[in-house]
């Protein structure tokens, strides 16, 4: 009779150990796969409206007009990752390269990341940009565990160029293409 009770007890113990290990991926360090690289580097060649947002490819730059006077326009690249492991904090590198053309207006260049109800922003420049320069900043230590304690994190990343509108989308787009060579963000993460 003792042997019959030992087998179910052993199966129960094995099942409990399996479930507390890497069965469901919650809080399991070994369940996260090796690091993935994710990034976008795009010349501002193809511009389309922000709404409806359907995702982006390496050649898409979205735009949005901010309400107010004077009117400001934002051009940005965007992307998402839905399978980010939360075991490590995330760092995102933002880069913008200007062309060898003098600017005649202040420009705000910034990077943003959104995850659940949280967000963070880093300013690369909020002034008249120098011609032919590379701007780079890193947004470090984005903690995803607080918003996603039991699973994969979802993040949305943006690199944005904002300036006072010249009066039409055609003029604003021409200004962007004339002054900016590339807009980029890049990050490494482990897949959940």
Protein backbone atom coordinates (compact mmCIF):
# COMPACT_ATOMS: atom_id res chain seq x y z
CA UNK A 1 0.00 0.00 0.00
CA UNK A 2 2.92 2.37 0.72
CA UNK A 3 4.21 1.97 -2.86
CA UNK A 4 0.83 3.00 -4.29
CA UNK A 5 0.81 6.21 -2.21
CA UNK A 6 4.44 7.00 -3.07
CA UNK A 7 3.83 7.10 -6.82
CA UNK A 8 0.97 9.67 -6.67
CA UNK A 9 2.93 11.70 -4.13
CA UNK A 10 5.98 11.69 -6.43
CA UNK A 11 3.85 12.72 -9.44
CA UNK A 12 2.26 15.52 -7.40
CA UNK A 13 5.67 16.75 -6.24
CA UNK A 14 7.05 16.63 -9.81
CA UNK A 15 4.04 18.57 -11.12
CA UNK A 16 4.41 21.23 -8.44
CA UNK A 17 8.11 21.63 -9.20
CA UNK A 18 7.44 21.88 -12.93
CA UNK A 19 4.75 24.53 -12.49
CA UNK A 20 6.92 26.59 -10.16
CA UNK A 21 9.81 26.32 -12.62
CA UNK A 22 9.57 27.24 -16.26
CA UNK A 23 6.14 25.90 -17.11
CA UNK A 24 4.44 29.26 -17.39
CA UNK A 25 7.08 31.87 -18.15
CA UNK A 26 6.30 34.18 -15.23
CA UNK A 27 9.38 35.22 -13.28
CA UNK A 28 11.56 32.64 -14.97
CA UNK A 29 15.02 33.84 -15.96
CA UNK A 30 15.77 30.84 -18.11
CA UNK A 31 12.57 31.29 -20.12
CA UNK A 32 13.78 34.47 -21.75
CA UNK A 33 15.55 33.82 -25.01
CA UNK A 34 18.84 35.44 -26.06
CA UNK A 35 18.88 39.11 -26.90
CA UNK A 36 17.14 40.41 -30.01
CA UNK A 37 18.18 43.56 -31.80
CA UNK A 38 15.42 45.92 -32.83
CA UNK A 39 15.87 49.23 -34.51
CA UNK A 40 14.84 51.56 -37.26
CA UNK A 41 17.06 53.69 -39.43
CA UNK A 42 15.15 55.64 -42.00
CA UNK A 43 15.73 58.46 -44.40
CA UNK A 44 12.71 60.78 -44.37
CA UNK A 45 11.75 59.76 -47.91
CA UNK A 46 8.22 58.51 -47.44
CA UNK A 47 5.85 60.54 -45.27
CA UNK A 48 2.31 59.53 -44.37
CA UNK A 49 -0.30 60.67 -41.87
CA UNK A 50 -0.22 59.41 -38.30
CA UNK A 51 -3.86 58.32 -38.35
CA UNK A 52 -4.75 55.61 -38.97
CA UNK A 53 -1.63 54.10 -37.42
CA UNK A 54 -1.03 50.73 -39.05
CA UNK A 55 2.55 50.11 -37.99
CA UNK A 56 5.67 51.14 -39.81
CA UNK A 57 8.37 49.88 -42.10
CA UNK A 58 11.92 51.14 -42.49
CA UNK A 59 10.82 53.70 -45.07
CA UNK A 60 7.87 55.31 -43.25
CA UNK A 61 7.88 58.60 -41.42
CA UNK A 62 4.57 59.63 -39.88
CA UNK A 63 3.35 63.17 -39.25
CA UNK A 64 0.94 64.88 -36.88
CA UNK A 65 -0.08 68.54 -36.58
CA UNK A 66 -0.30 69.83 -33.02
CA UNK A 67 -3.16 72.18 -32.18
CA UNK A 68 -2.27 75.78 -31.34
CA UNK A 69 -0.81 78.95 -32.77
CA UNK A 70 1.74 78.92 -34.24
CA UNK A 71 1.00 75.46 -35.57
CA UNK A 72 3.70 72.86 -35.05
CA UNK A 73 4.26 69.66 -36.99
CA UNK A 74 5.76 66.42 -35.68
CA UNK A 75 7.46 63.91 -37.96
CA UNK A 76 8.36 60.60 -36.33
CA UNK A 77 9.30 57.00 -36.82
CA UNK A 78 7.62 54.43 -34.61
CA UNK A 79 7.70 50.76 -33.83
CA UNK A 80 6.51 48.19 -31.31
CA UNK A 81 7.73 45.04 -29.62
CA UNK A 82 5.23 42.80 -27.86
CA UNK A 83 7.44 40.02 -26.54
CA UNK A 84 9.97 41.84 -24.35
CA UNK A 85 11.38 39.97 -21.38
CA UNK A 86 11.07 41.99 -18.17
CA UNK A 87 14.06 40.47 -16.35
CA UNK A 88 16.33 43.36 -17.33
CA UNK A 89 15.80 47.08 -17.67
CA UNK A 90 15.70 48.34 -21.23
CA UNK A 91 17.95 50.99 -22.78
CA UNK A 92 17.04 52.71 -26.06
CA UNK A 93 19.51 54.63 -28.23
CA UNK A 94 18.16 57.53 -30.31
CA UNK A 95 20.09 59.06 -33.22
CA UNK A 96 19.35 61.86 -35.66
CA UNK A 97 21.70 63.02 -38.42
CA UNK A 98 21.24 66.41 -40.07
CA UNK A 99 22.32 67.35 -43.58
CA UNK A 100 24.80 70.08 -44.48
CA UNK A 101 22.04 72.71 -44.72
CA UNK A 102 21.62 75.60 -42.27
CA UNK A 103 18.45 75.62 -40.18
CA UNK A 104 16.33 78.76 -39.92
CA UNK A 105 14.10 77.70 -37.01
CA UNK A 106 14.28 75.89 -33.66
CA UNK A 107 13.60 72.17 -33.76
CA UNK A 108 12.70 69.85 -30.90
CA UNK A 109 14.13 66.36 -31.38
CA UNK A 110 13.19 63.75 -28.79
CA UNK A 111 12.79 60.06 -28.14
CA UNK A 112 9.90 58.43 -26.31
CA UNK A 113 8.95 55.00 -25.07
CA UNK A 114 5.53 53.90 -23.83
CA UNK A 115 4.76 50.74 -21.87
CA UNK A 116 1.33 50.14 -20.36
CA UNK A 117 0.38 53.31 -18.42
CA UNK A 118 4.02 54.42 -18.18
CA UNK A 119 6.14 56.55 -20.49
CA UNK A 120 9.51 58.26 -20.60
CA UNK A 121 11.06 60.86 -22.86
CA UNK A 122 14.56 62.11 -23.61
CA UNK A 123 15.37 65.35 -25.43
CA UNK A 124 18.17 65.21 -27.99
CA UNK A 125 17.85 68.91 -28.90
CA UNK A 126 15.43 71.78 -28.39
CA UNK A 127 17.05 74.63 -30.29
CA UNK A 128 18.31 75.50 -33.78
CA UNK A 129 20.19 72.34 -34.84
CA UNK A 130 23.68 72.57 -36.24
CA UNK A 131 24.05 71.55 -39.87
CA UNK A 132 25.84 68.29 -40.66
CA UNK A 133 25.82 66.83 -37.17
CA UNK A 134 24.82 63.65 -35.39
CA UNK A 135 22.68 63.87 -32.28
CA UNK A 136 22.57 60.88 -29.96
CA UNK A 137 21.10 60.15 -26.56
CA UNK A 138 20.31 56.99 -24.60
CA UNK A 139 17.22 56.48 -22.49
CA UNK A 140 18.45 54.05 -19.82
CA UNK A 141 16.90 51.82 -17.22
CA UNK A 142 13.35 51.56 -18.52
CA UNK A 143 11.81 49.25 -15.90
CA UNK A 144 9.11 47.07 -17.44
CA UNK A 145 8.49 44.69 -14.52
CA UNK A 146 6.25 47.16 -12.68
CA UNK A 147 3.75 47.21 -15.55
CA UNK A 148 4.16 43.59 -16.63
CA UNK A 149 4.86 41.54 -13.49
CA UNK A 150 3.67 38.22 -14.90
CA UNK A 151 4.47 38.12 -18.58
CA UNK A 152 5.95 39.70 -21.66
CA UNK A 153 6.11 43.46 -21.91
CA UNK A 154 4.78 45.51 -24.82
CA UNK A 155 6.53 48.74 -25.74
CA UNK A 156 6.07 51.49 -28.32
CA UNK A 157 9.13 53.53 -29.32
CA UNK A 158 9.23 56.87 -31.17
CA UNK A 159 11.89 59.25 -32.44
CA UNK A 160 10.31 62.64 -33.18
CA UNK A 161 11.34 65.81 -34.99
CA UNK A 162 9.05 68.78 -34.22
CA UNK A 163 9.15 72.32 -35.64
CA UNK A 164 6.92 75.27 -36.49
CA UNK A 165 4.97 74.50 -39.65
CA UNK A 166 5.81 76.35 -42.84
CA UNK A 167 2.10 76.37 -43.73
CA UNK A 168 1.50 73.16 -45.68
CA UNK A 169 2.37 69.49 -45.58
CA UNK A 170 4.33 69.80 -48.83
CA UNK A 171 6.51 72.61 -47.44
CA UNK A 172 6.95 70.84 -44.08
CA UNK A 173 7.90 67.57 -45.75
CA UNK A 174 10.37 69.33 -48.05
CA UNK A 175 11.95 71.03 -45.02
CA UNK A 176 12.31 67.69 -43.23
CA UNK A 177 13.91 66.01 -46.25
CA UNK A 178 16.17 68.96 -46.94
CA UNK A 179 17.52 69.15 -43.39
CA UNK A 180 17.54 65.56 -42.06
CA UNK A 181 19.49 62.62 -43.42
CA UNK A 182 18.30 59.96 -40.98
CA UNK A 183 16.16 59.37 -37.91
CA UNK A 184 16.87 56.28 -35.83
CA UNK A 185 16.32 54.35 -32.63
CA UNK A 186 17.86 51.07 -31.54
CA UNK A 187 17.59 48.69 -28.56
CA UNK A 188 18.53 45.17 -27.51
CA UNK A 189 16.13 43.01 -25.58
CA UNK A 190 15.56 39.41 -24.58
CA UNK A 191 12.47 37.80 -26.05
CA UNK A 192 9.96 36.35 -23.60
